[in-house]
Amino acid sequence: MTPETGAPRLAPLRLALFYGGIFLALGIMGPFWPLWLKDRGLDAEQIGVVFALGTLARLAVTPYFARAADRAGERKRILVLLSFLGTVTFLAFRWADGFWPIILMTVVFYASRGPVLPLMESLTMLTRERTPFDYGRVRLWGSITFIIGAWGMGLVLTDAPVDWIHWAIFAAIALTFFCALALPDTRAPAAAKDRRPFREIMRVPGLMAAMTAATCIQASHAVYYNFGSIHWLAAGHGADVIGALWAEGVIAEILLFTFAAATVRRIGAVRMIAIGAAAAALRWAGTAGTTDLEWLFLLQALHGLSYGATHLGMIHLITERVDSSLSASAQSLFAITLGVGMSAASYAAGTLFASLGGGAFWTMAALAGIGAGFAGFSLLRRRQAATER
């Protein structure tokens, strides 16, 4: 691995700034981009098509950029290029008038943004190997800026027109580009061109079972992400209370990230995923059974485990078990697996919530339970492989 450029002691700060930019944009875009699309004349069905095609574009291009990164042995220049393309493309939404122009810009934008997070996770863990730091304390800045983006944009929109949503997201994405220029240029050994990265990664004992487990657990959040606010609003809780419930979940995630290194080291990566599965099953079973505010605040605290522990476990597991020359491909494989799982769960969530209401959370608890089973199988497969050596 060649040395990173710039002062090594500043590497965590430079990585944290880029995470901050990514999740600041997501914090605004997640809750408010549908409002902008609606303001441009798109109906609910068309908005659904926009997001579906965006997801497909992201999943389609991510493996190619990941393989290019592994073959080149570098991440930074690709991240700078993708960040620049994302900035220019998102600005072009300003002149996209009507359904088909918006579809075109969406496909190009998501294709440029899709590979960014997997490549960033790979770069972060490569840099961590050379300049040891706590991954969680770098990544938590993404969670913090997500809250700032969502909460801040909500305040702005009390007085500002919907059109400001586009400019706010554009500013955050442009900030991400400038932060990309400051990223450490940590490199890995270049992967041979004749290697088949996905095949090699899939052969790592227990890794695909762990990816499946993490996908099931994260996908079990689909009803919460898409219909949690609607469910609680119908139960009589105000928008301010619902906002506080969402914020509490992210704060719990931040607290776990603060102590991530010691936690993963003590418990182990796959066991972290298993803990995430247990927490998710408990959380969704409880959410299905009650809308009492006191219980909801207790259940929302489990987000730190249901999302946070699962994420930390999977990121650390890839670093532990996959050769650094294939780290970008490994992160992209997980991103693809997760994207497919989340898309399927989100589609199912609509039907489930329409027919079961809050009872749809029971199906999410079952999905988390399936994730726990795959986590257990991953542990077993790893132990079997160790005894065969």
Protein backbone atom coordinates (compact mmCIF):
# COMPACT_ATOMS: atom_id res chain seq x y z
CA MET A 1 0.00 0.00 0.00
CA THR A 2 1.47 3.38 -0.94
CA PRO A 3 1.48 6.17 1.62
CA GLU A 4 -1.47 8.49 1.67
CA THR A 5 -0.88 12.09 0.66
CA GLY A 6 -1.08 14.79 3.31
CA ALA A 7 -0.59 14.61 7.06
CA PRO A 8 -1.65 11.17 8.33
CA ARG A 9 -2.94 12.61 11.59
CA LEU A 10 -5.48 14.66 9.62
CA ALA A 11 -6.80 11.65 7.68
CA PRO A 12 -9.75 11.00 10.06
CA LEU A 13 -10.80 14.66 9.82
CA ARG A 14 -10.66 14.64 6.02
CA LEU A 15 -12.67 11.44 5.87
CA ALA A 16 -15.20 12.78 8.39
CA LEU A 17 -15.73 15.91 6.29
CA PHE A 18 -16.60 13.82 3.24
CA TYR A 19 -19.00 11.64 5.24
CA GLY A 20 -20.53 14.84 6.56
CA GLY A 21 -21.12 16.15 3.05
CA ILE A 22 -22.66 12.88 1.81
CA PHE A 23 -25.11 12.58 4.67
CA LEU A 24 -25.96 16.29 4.80
CA ALA A 25 -27.26 15.89 1.24
CA LEU A 26 -29.08 12.67 2.16
CA GLY A 27 -30.62 14.31 5.23
CA ILE A 28 -32.23 16.93 3.00
CA MET A 29 -32.96 14.71 0.02
CA GLY A 30 -34.56 11.79 1.88
CA PRO A 31 -37.46 13.66 3.49
CA PHE A 32 -37.85 16.56 1.04
CA TRP A 33 -36.89 15.56 -2.52
CA PRO A 34 -40.33 13.97 -3.12
CA LEU A 35 -41.88 17.35 -2.27
CA TRP A 36 -39.76 19.04 -4.94
CA LEU A 37 -40.72 16.40 -7.49
CA LYS A 38 -44.39 16.85 -6.63
CA ASP A 39 -43.99 20.62 -6.99
CA ARG A 40 -42.62 20.00 -10.51
CA GLY A 41 -45.89 18.30 -11.44
CA LEU A 42 -45.13 14.61 -10.86
CA ASP A 43 -47.85 12.47 -9.31
CA ALA A 44 -47.31 9.72 -6.72
CA GLU A 45 -46.93 6.96 -9.31
CA GLN A 46 -44.40 8.94 -11.33
CA ILE A 47 -42.40 9.75 -8.19
CA GLY A 48 -42.31 6.04 -7.43
CA VAL A 49 -40.96 5.35 -10.91
CA VAL A 50 -38.29 8.03 -10.45
CA PHE A 51 -36.98 6.43 -7.28
CA ALA A 52 -37.20 2.90 -8.69
CA LEU A 53 -35.18 3.77 -11.79
CA GLY A 54 -32.69 5.70 -9.68
CA THR A 55 -32.14 2.60 -7.55
CA LEU A 56 -31.69 0.41 -10.63
CA ALA A 57 -29.14 2.84 -12.09
CA ARG A 58 -27.20 2.84 -8.82
CA LEU A 59 -27.13 -0.95 -8.62
CA ALA A 60 -26.16 -1.32 -12.29
CA VAL A 61 -23.05 0.87 -12.30
CA THR A 62 -21.62 0.30 -8.82
CA PRO A 63 -19.81 -3.00 -9.63
CA TYR A 64 -18.01 -1.44 -12.61
CA PHE A 65 -16.62 1.48 -10.62
CA ALA A 66 -15.68 -0.84 -7.76
CA ARG A 67 -13.78 -3.14 -10.09
CA ALA A 68 -12.04 -0.16 -11.70
CA ALA A 69 -10.99 1.04 -8.24
CA ASP A 70 -9.61 -2.37 -7.29
CA ARG A 71 -7.72 -2.73 -10.57
CA ALA A 72 -6.21 0.74 -10.20
CA GLY A 73 -5.52 0.26 -6.51
CA GLU A 74 -6.90 3.71 -5.73
CA ARG A 75 -10.14 5.32 -4.62
CA LYS A 76 -9.66 9.09 -4.32
CA ARG A 77 -9.55 10.14 -7.97
CA ILE A 78 -12.63 8.07 -8.75
CA LEU A 79 -14.48 9.65 -5.81
CA VAL A 80 -13.47 13.13 -7.00
CA LEU A 81 -14.72 12.36 -10.52
CA LEU A 82 -18.01 10.90 -9.31
CA SER A 83 -18.56 13.81 -6.90
CA PHE A 84 -17.98 16.30 -9.71
CA LEU A 85 -20.39 14.46 -12.03
CA GLY A 86 -22.99 14.31 -9.27
CA THR A 87 -22.68 18.04 -8.63
CA VAL A 88 -23.07 19.00 -12.29
CA THR A 89 -25.90 16.53 -12.87
CA PHE A 90 -27.88 17.67 -9.87
CA LEU A 91 -27.56 21.30 -10.93
CA ALA A 92 -29.10 20.28 -14.27
CA PHE A 93 -32.34 19.32 -12.48
CA ARG A 94 -32.99 23.06 -12.48
CA TRP A 95 -33.80 22.84 -16.19
CA ALA A 96 -35.49 19.42 -16.16
CA ASP A 97 -39.12 20.20 -16.93
CA GLY A 98 -41.53 17.28 -17.03
CA PHE A 99 -41.46 13.58 -16.25
CA TRP A 100 -39.06 12.29 -18.92
CA PRO A 101 -36.34 14.93 -18.49
CA ILE A 102 -36.46 14.31 -14.73
CA ILE A 103 -36.18 10.55 -15.35
CA LEU A 104 -33.12 11.10 -17.55
CA MET A 105 -31.38 13.31 -15.00
CA THR A 106 -32.30 10.90 -12.19
CA VAL A 107 -30.66 7.94 -13.92
CA VAL A 108 -27.47 9.90 -14.60
CA PHE A 109 -27.38 11.38 -11.10
CA TYR A 110 -27.93 8.09 -9.27
CA ALA A 111 -25.38 6.39 -11.52
CA SER A 112 -22.79 8.94 -10.41
CA ARG A 113 -23.75 8.85 -6.72
CA GLY A 114 -24.37 5.13 -6.29
CA PRO A 115 -20.73 3.98 -6.14
CA VAL A 116 -19.65 6.82 -3.83
CA LEU A 117 -20.52 5.33 -0.44
CA PRO A 118 -19.09 1.83 -1.09
CA LEU A 119 -15.86 3.36 -2.41
CA MET A 120 -15.76 5.70 0.57
CA GLU A 121 -16.17 2.84 3.04
CA SER A 122 -13.32 1.03 1.27
CA LEU A 123 -11.07 4.11 1.37
CA THR A 124 -11.84 4.70 5.04
CA MET A 125 -10.97 1.18 6.10
CA LEU A 126 -7.80 1.16 3.95
CA THR A 127 -6.70 4.41 5.60
CA ARG A 128 -7.55 2.98 9.02
CA GLU A 129 -5.15 0.09 8.39
CA ARG A 130 -2.28 2.53 7.77
CA THR A 131 -3.23 5.25 10.26
CA PRO A 132 -5.21 3.56 13.07
CA PHE A 133 -8.35 5.41 14.18
CA ASP A 134 -11.86 4.56 15.34
CA TYR A 135 -14.07 4.09 12.27
CA GLY A 136 -17.22 4.80 14.25
CA ARG A 137 -16.00 8.21 15.40
CA VAL A 138 -15.36 9.18 11.79
CA ARG A 139 -18.62 7.77 10.46
CA LEU A 140 -20.76 9.35 13.20
CA TRP A 141 -20.28 12.76 11.58
CA GLY A 142 -22.44 11.50 8.74
CA SER A 143 -25.22 10.75 11.23
CA ILE A 144 -24.82 14.19 12.81
CA THR A 145 -25.03 16.06 9.51
CA PHE A 146 -28.01 13.91 8.48
CA ILE A 147 -29.91 15.24 11.50
CA ILE A 148 -28.76 18.79 10.75
CA GLY A 149 -29.90 18.51 7.13
CA ALA A 150 -33.33 17.04 7.87
CA TRP A 151 -34.07 19.28 10.85
CA GLY A 152 -32.60 22.43 9.29
CA MET A 153 -34.43 22.05 5.99
CA GLY A 154 -37.67 21.49 7.86
CA LEU A 155 -37.18 24.80 9.64
CA VAL A 156 -36.27 26.59 6.40
CA LEU A 157 -39.40 25.33 4.64
CA THR A 158 -41.69 26.87 7.24
CA ASP A 159 -41.08 30.20 5.47
CA ALA A 160 -39.22 29.38 2.24
CA PRO A 161 -40.68 28.05 -1.03
CA VAL A 162 -40.32 24.39 -2.02
CA ASP A 163 -37.89 25.43 -4.76
CA TRP A 164 -35.24 25.98 -2.07
CA ILE A 165 -35.02 22.20 -1.62
CA HIS A 166 -33.11 21.86 -4.89
CA TRP A 167 -30.64 24.59 -4.02
CA ALA A 168 -30.04 23.22 -0.53
CA ILE A 169 -29.30 19.72 -1.84
CA PHE A 170 -27.11 21.15 -4.59
CA ALA A 171 -25.09 23.12 -2.04
CA ALA A 172 -24.56 19.98 0.06
CA ILE A 173 -23.50 17.94 -2.99
CA ALA A 174 -21.13 20.69 -4.13
CA LEU A 175 -19.64 20.70 -0.62
CA THR A 176 -19.10 16.95 -0.98
CA PHE A 177 -17.06 17.56 -4.15
CA PHE A 178 -14.74 20.02 -2.41
CA CYS A 179 -14.37 17.62 0.52
CA ALA A 180 -13.45 14.88 -1.97
CA LEU A 181 -10.48 16.96 -3.11
CA ALA A 182 -9.14 16.81 0.46
CA LEU A 183 -9.53 13.03 0.89
CA PRO A 184 -6.40 11.02 1.71
CA ASP A 185 -5.01 9.22 -1.33
CA THR A 186 -4.58 5.88 0.42
CA ARG A 187 -3.95 3.07 -2.06
CA ALA A 188 -4.15 -0.70 -2.05
CA PRO A 189 -2.23 -3.21 -4.17
CA ALA A 190 -3.77 -3.24 -7.63
CA ALA A 191 -5.87 -6.32 -8.31
CA ALA A 192 -4.88 -8.41 -11.33
CA LYS A 193 -7.08 -7.82 -14.37
CA ASP A 194 -7.85 -11.51 -14.75
CA ARG A 195 -9.18 -11.84 -11.20
CA ARG A 196 -12.88 -12.40 -10.71
CA PRO A 197 -13.50 -10.35 -7.57
CA PHE A 198 -17.09 -11.31 -6.81
CA ARG A 199 -16.33 -15.01 -7.18
CA GLU A 200 -13.37 -14.72 -4.78
CA ILE A 201 -15.39 -12.71 -2.28
CA MET A 202 -18.29 -15.18 -2.35
CA ARG A 203 -15.90 -17.99 -1.48
CA VAL A 204 -14.82 -16.37 1.80
CA PRO A 205 -16.27 -18.69 4.48
CA GLY A 206 -19.37 -17.24 6.09
CA LEU A 207 -19.16 -13.85 4.37
CA MET A 208 -22.18 -14.20 2.08
CA ALA A 209 -24.25 -15.54 4.99
CA ALA A 210 -23.27 -12.45 6.98
CA MET A 211 -24.15 -10.16 4.05
CA THR A 212 -27.53 -11.88 3.77
CA ALA A 213 -28.05 -11.47 7.51
CA ALA A 214 -27.21 -7.76 7.40
CA THR A 215 -29.45 -7.29 4.36
CA CYS A 216 -32.41 -8.93 6.11
CA ILE A 217 -31.88 -6.80 9.21
CA GLN A 218 -31.51 -3.51 7.35
CA ALA A 219 -34.41 -4.35 5.02
CA SER A 220 -36.58 -4.99 8.09
CA HIS A 221 -36.54 -1.20 8.58
CA ALA A 222 -38.62 -0.73 5.39
CA VAL A 223 -42.03 -0.32 7.05
CA TYR A 224 -40.52 2.10 9.57
CA TYR A 225 -38.76 4.20 6.92
CA ASN A 226 -41.73 4.38 4.56
CA PHE A 227 -44.76 4.30 6.85
CA GLY A 228 -43.62 4.82 10.44
CA SER A 229 -44.48 8.51 10.45
CA ILE A 230 -47.86 7.87 8.81
CA HIS A 231 -48.66 5.16 11.37
CA TRP A 232 -47.78 7.38 14.33
CA LEU A 233 -49.58 10.39 12.89
CA ALA A 234 -52.74 8.27 12.58
CA ALA A 235 -52.26 7.24 16.21
CA GLY A 236 -52.55 10.89 17.24
CA HIS A 237 -48.92 11.90 17.68
CA GLY A 238 -47.94 15.33 16.38
CA ALA A 239 -45.26 16.06 13.79
CA ASP A 240 -42.97 17.45 16.49
CA VAL A 241 -43.20 14.22 18.50
CA ILE A 242 -42.61 12.11 15.39
CA GLY A 243 -39.57 14.21 14.54
CA ALA A 244 -38.24 13.66 18.05
CA LEU A 245 -38.72 9.89 17.70
CA TRP A 246 -36.72 9.85 14.47
CA ALA A 247 -34.00 12.04 15.96
CA GLU A 248 -33.74 9.79 19.01
CA GLY A 249 -32.99 6.81 16.77
CA VAL A 250 -30.13 8.58 15.01
CA ILE A 251 -28.74 9.87 18.34
CA ALA A 252 -28.66 6.28 19.62
CA GLU A 253 -26.75 5.35 16.46
CA ILE A 254 -24.25 8.17 17.10
CA LEU A 255 -23.66 6.98 20.67
CA LEU A 256 -22.81 3.49 19.44
CA PHE A 257 -20.49 4.85 16.75
CA THR A 258 -18.66 6.85 19.43
CA PHE A 259 -17.52 3.63 21.10
CA ALA A 260 -17.39 1.50 17.95
CA ALA A 261 -13.80 0.27 17.96
CA ALA A 262 -13.80 -1.08 21.50
CA THR A 263 -17.28 -2.55 21.05
CA VAL A 264 -16.49 -4.47 17.86
CA ARG A 265 -13.14 -5.62 19.23
CA ARG A 266 -14.76 -6.99 22.38
CA ILE A 267 -17.83 -8.59 20.80
CA GLY A 268 -16.74 -9.53 17.28
CA ALA A 269 -18.11 -8.44 13.91
CA VAL A 270 -20.58 -11.27 13.26
CA ARG A 271 -21.87 -11.16 16.83
CA MET A 272 -22.53 -7.44 16.33
CA ILE A 273 -24.72 -8.37 13.36
CA ALA A 274 -26.52 -10.97 15.49
CA ILE A 275 -27.12 -8.36 18.20
CA GLY A 276 -28.54 -6.06 15.53
CA ALA A 277 -30.92 -8.82 14.45
CA ALA A 278 -32.15 -9.44 17.99
CA ALA A 279 -32.64 -5.71 18.59
CA ALA A 280 -34.53 -5.30 15.30
CA ALA A 281 -36.85 -8.23 16.06
CA LEU A 282 -37.62 -6.81 19.51
CA ARG A 283 -38.04 -3.30 18.15
CA TRP A 284 -40.50 -4.20 15.39
CA ALA A 285 -42.49 -6.58 17.58
CA GLY A 286 -42.87 -3.80 20.13
CA THR A 287 -43.76 -1.22 17.48
CA ALA A 288 -46.43 -3.56 16.11
CA GLY A 289 -47.93 -3.95 19.56
CA THR A 290 -48.16 -0.37 20.79
CA THR A 291 -48.32 3.28 19.84
CA ASP A 292 -47.98 4.50 23.44
CA LEU A 293 -45.42 7.29 23.46
CA GLU A 294 -43.47 6.01 26.47
CA TRP A 295 -42.93 2.65 24.81
CA LEU A 296 -42.11 4.20 21.45
CA PHE A 297 -39.30 6.25 22.98
CA LEU A 298 -37.86 3.10 24.54
CA LEU A 299 -38.17 1.16 21.29
CA GLN A 300 -36.61 3.91 19.17
CA ALA A 301 -33.46 3.73 21.29
CA LEU A 302 -32.93 0.28 19.77
CA HIS A 303 -32.10 1.93 16.43
CA GLY A 304 -28.53 2.22 17.66
CA LEU A 305 -28.37 -1.58 17.60
CA SER A 306 -30.83 -2.55 14.85
CA TYR A 307 -29.11 -0.26 12.34
CA GLY A 308 -25.84 0.80 13.99
CA ALA A 309 -24.57 -2.55 15.29
CA THR A 310 -25.48 -4.26 12.01
CA HIS A 311 -23.67 -1.62 9.94
CA LEU A 312 -20.55 -1.64 12.11
CA GLY A 313 -20.40 -5.42 12.16
CA MET A 314 -20.62 -5.71 8.37
CA ILE A 315 -18.06 -2.98 7.61
CA HIS A 316 -15.54 -4.47 10.04
CA LEU A 317 -16.21 -8.01 8.82
CA ILE A 318 -15.38 -7.09 5.22
CA THR A 319 -12.14 -5.49 6.38
CA GLU A 320 -11.21 -8.56 8.42
CA ARG A 321 -11.96 -11.22 5.81
CA VAL A 322 -11.40 -9.67 2.38
CA ASP A 323 -8.01 -8.85 0.86
CA SER A 324 -7.48 -5.08 0.63
CA SER A 325 -7.01 -5.32 -3.15
CA LEU A 326 -10.67 -6.39 -3.41
CA SER A 327 -12.13 -4.15 -0.72
CA ALA A 328 -14.00 -1.85 -3.13
CA SER A 329 -15.59 -4.84 -4.86
CA ALA A 330 -16.56 -6.33 -1.49
CA GLN A 331 -18.18 -3.09 -0.33
CA SER A 332 -20.00 -2.77 -3.66
CA LEU A 333 -21.25 -6.37 -3.46
CA PHE A 334 -22.74 -5.62 -0.06
CA ALA A 335 -24.23 -2.37 -1.37
CA ILE A 336 -25.86 -4.26 -4.26
CA THR A 337 -27.18 -7.01 -1.98
CA LEU A 338 -28.53 -4.43 0.43
CA GLY A 339 -30.03 -2.35 -2.37
CA VAL A 340 -31.91 -5.30 -3.85
CA GLY A 341 -33.12 -6.41 -0.42
CA MET A 342 -34.23 -2.94 0.60
CA SER A 343 -36.02 -2.37 -2.71
CA ALA A 344 -37.93 -5.64 -2.38
CA ALA A 345 -38.80 -4.94 1.25
CA SER A 346 -39.93 -1.39 0.43
CA TYR A 347 -42.19 -2.69 -2.34
CA ALA A 348 -43.66 -5.32 -0.01
CA ALA A 349 -44.04 -2.76 2.77
CA GLY A 350 -46.62 -0.82 0.77
CA THR A 351 -48.86 -3.85 0.32
CA LEU A 352 -48.34 -5.03 3.89
CA PHE A 353 -49.10 -1.66 5.46
CA ALA A 354 -52.18 -1.18 3.26
CA SER A 355 -53.64 -4.49 4.44
CA LEU A 356 -52.25 -4.80 7.99
CA GLY A 357 -51.59 -1.26 9.15
CA GLY A 358 -49.27 -1.32 12.15
CA GLY A 359 -49.41 -5.11 12.06
CA ALA A 360 -46.97 -4.92 9.12
CA PHE A 361 -44.22 -4.44 11.71
CA TRP A 362 -44.71 -8.09 12.74
CA THR A 363 -43.49 -9.17 9.30
CA MET A 364 -40.43 -6.98 9.75
CA ALA A 365 -39.74 -8.66 13.10
CA ALA A 366 -39.88 -12.01 11.30
CA LEU A 367 -37.47 -10.74 8.63
CA ALA A 368 -35.03 -9.67 11.34
CA GLY A 369 -35.36 -13.15 12.84
CA ILE A 370 -34.33 -14.63 9.49
CA GLY A 371 -31.32 -12.33 9.61
CA ALA A 372 -30.42 -13.74 13.02
CA GLY A 373 -30.47 -17.23 11.52
CA PHE A 374 -28.06 -16.25 8.75
CA ALA A 375 -25.76 -14.57 11.30
CA GLY A 376 -25.66 -17.81 13.26
CA PHE A 377 -24.89 -19.76 10.09
CA SER A 378 -22.06 -17.33 9.30
CA LEU A 379 -20.48 -18.01 12.69
CA LEU A 380 -20.85 -21.75 12.20
CA ARG A 381 -19.40 -21.67 8.69
CA ARG A 382 -16.40 -19.67 9.87
CA ARG A 383 -15.71 -22.13 12.68
CA GLN A 384 -15.97 -25.07 10.29
CA ALA A 385 -13.50 -23.44 7.91
CA ALA A 386 -11.08 -22.81 10.79
CA THR A 387 -11.14 -26.47 11.89
CA GLU A 388 -10.52 -27.65 8.31
CA ARG A 389 -7.24 -25.75 8.04
